[in-house]
Amino acid sequence: MDVKTIILIVILGLVVSLLYDSCGGLARWLIRTAAGRLAREERERFREEWMAHLDECYGKLAMLRHALGCWIASLAMQMPLLSVRTYIYLASSGAADVVNSAPSLESRERRSG
């Protein structure tokens, strides 16, 4: 091995170590961001619940996996409820604009109530 290869290996090792060490902070940031997307009345409850579960995760990669799951869940919680027919259409055609034209939860409640 030449000197350049050794230096590159050392630098890559340091970068990987820094990235791994930052997983805990990144996980907490993702959860705060995910909770911030929710409705005001739900933000604090979900943030506390997700952070409590984060503290129970073993290892930094498990923390990051949990935080990514919370972030994805917050995206799903923002979407309006769609009919089964709409889900099938979305899955078959990949048309994202159908989500915007789907009836929201409020309009469904008005019709049923």
Protein backbone atom coordinates (compact mmCIF):
# COMPACT_ATOMS: atom_id res chain seq x y z
CA MET A 1 0.00 0.00 0.00
CA ASP A 2 1.19 3.44 -0.79
CA VAL A 3 0.88 6.50 1.42
CA LYS A 4 -2.15 7.91 -0.46
CA THR A 5 -4.15 4.72 0.14
CA ILE A 6 -3.34 4.73 3.85
CA ILE A 7 -4.32 8.40 4.18
CA LEU A 8 -7.57 7.75 2.29
CA ILE A 9 -8.42 4.80 4.57
CA VAL A 10 -7.78 6.90 7.69
CA ILE A 11 -9.89 9.79 6.37
CA LEU A 12 -12.76 7.47 5.39
CA GLY A 13 -12.62 5.88 8.83
CA LEU A 14 -12.91 9.28 10.47
CA VAL A 15 -15.83 10.29 8.23
CA VAL A 16 -17.70 7.06 8.96
CA SER A 17 -17.07 7.50 12.68
CA LEU A 18 -18.37 11.08 12.60
CA LEU A 19 -21.48 10.04 10.66
CA TYR A 20 -22.19 7.24 13.11
CA ASP A 21 -21.74 9.56 16.08
CA SER A 22 -24.19 12.06 14.58
CA CYS A 23 -26.98 9.47 14.18
CA GLY A 24 -28.44 10.23 17.63
CA GLY A 25 -28.68 13.96 16.96
CA LEU A 26 -30.04 13.38 13.49
CA ALA A 27 -32.68 11.02 14.89
CA ARG A 28 -33.83 13.63 17.41
CA TRP A 29 -33.96 16.30 14.69
CA LEU A 30 -36.02 14.01 12.44
CA ILE A 31 -38.52 13.38 15.22
CA ARG A 32 -38.85 17.08 16.04
CA THR A 33 -39.38 17.79 12.34
CA ALA A 34 -41.90 14.96 11.99
CA ALA A 35 -43.88 16.10 15.02
CA GLY A 36 -43.82 19.68 13.74
CA ARG A 37 -45.70 18.58 10.62
CA LEU A 38 -48.67 17.30 12.58
CA ALA A 39 -51.74 19.23 13.67
CA ARG A 40 -51.09 21.53 16.64
CA GLU A 41 -53.15 19.47 19.06
CA GLU A 42 -51.18 16.31 18.19
CA ARG A 43 -47.62 17.66 18.01
CA GLU A 44 -46.60 17.52 21.65
CA ARG A 45 -48.17 14.12 22.33
CA PHE A 46 -46.50 12.43 19.36
CA ARG A 47 -43.17 14.18 19.96
CA GLU A 48 -43.08 12.95 23.56
CA GLU A 49 -44.16 9.45 22.57
CA TRP A 50 -41.65 9.16 19.73
CA MET A 51 -38.82 10.62 21.82
CA ALA A 52 -39.60 8.20 24.66
CA HIS A 53 -39.40 5.29 22.24
CA LEU A 54 -36.19 6.73 20.80
CA ASP A 55 -34.61 6.58 24.26
CA GLU A 56 -35.51 2.88 24.42
CA CYS A 57 -33.79 2.05 21.11
CA TYR A 58 -30.55 0.13 21.43
CA GLY A 59 -27.82 1.57 19.25
CA LYS A 60 -27.57 4.64 17.09
CA LEU A 61 -28.64 2.93 13.89
CA ALA A 62 -31.79 1.64 15.61
CA MET A 63 -32.46 5.21 16.74
CA LEU A 64 -32.10 6.45 13.18
CA ARG A 65 -34.37 3.69 11.86
CA HIS A 66 -37.06 4.62 14.42
CA ALA A 67 -36.77 8.32 13.58
CA LEU A 68 -37.10 7.64 9.86
CA GLY A 69 -40.21 5.58 10.60
CA CYS A 70 -41.67 8.49 12.57
CA TRP A 71 -40.85 10.89 9.74
CA ILE A 72 -42.57 8.66 7.19
CA ALA A 73 -45.54 8.22 9.53
CA SER A 74 -45.91 11.99 9.83
CA LEU A 75 -46.10 12.22 6.04
CA ALA A 76 -48.80 9.56 5.98
CA MET A 77 -50.72 11.31 8.76
CA GLN A 78 -50.81 14.50 6.69
CA MET A 79 -52.37 12.85 3.67
CA PRO A 80 -56.15 12.97 3.37
CA LEU A 81 -58.03 9.72 3.73
CA LEU A 82 -58.44 8.13 0.35
CA SER A 83 -60.94 5.57 -0.83
CA VAL A 84 -59.81 2.05 -1.67
CA ARG A 85 -60.52 2.77 -5.32
CA THR A 86 -58.18 5.77 -5.20
CA TYR A 87 -55.41 3.72 -3.60
CA ILE A 88 -55.75 1.10 -6.32
CA TYR A 89 -55.63 3.81 -8.98
CA LEU A 90 -52.55 5.38 -7.42
CA ALA A 91 -50.80 2.04 -7.19
CA SER A 92 -51.58 1.11 -10.78
CA SER A 93 -50.94 4.44 -12.51
CA GLY A 94 -48.57 6.29 -10.20
CA ALA A 95 -50.60 9.49 -10.65
CA ALA A 96 -49.64 11.77 -7.77
CA ASP A 97 -52.17 14.47 -8.66
CA VAL A 98 -55.01 12.18 -7.53
CA VAL A 99 -53.96 12.78 -3.93
CA ASN A 100 -54.69 16.49 -4.29
CA SER A 101 -58.16 15.88 -5.74
CA ALA A 102 -59.20 13.29 -3.14
CA PRO A 103 -61.82 14.32 -0.58
CA SER A 104 -60.40 15.37 2.74
CA LEU A 105 -61.39 14.01 6.13
CA GLU A 106 -63.40 17.19 6.87
CA SER A 107 -65.50 16.84 3.71
CA ARG A 108 -66.17 13.18 4.51
CA GLU A 109 -67.31 14.09 8.02
CA ARG A 110 -69.65 16.78 6.65
CA ARG A 111 -71.25 14.32 4.23
CA SER A 112 -71.68 11.55 6.81
CA GLY A 113 -72.64 13.71 9.75
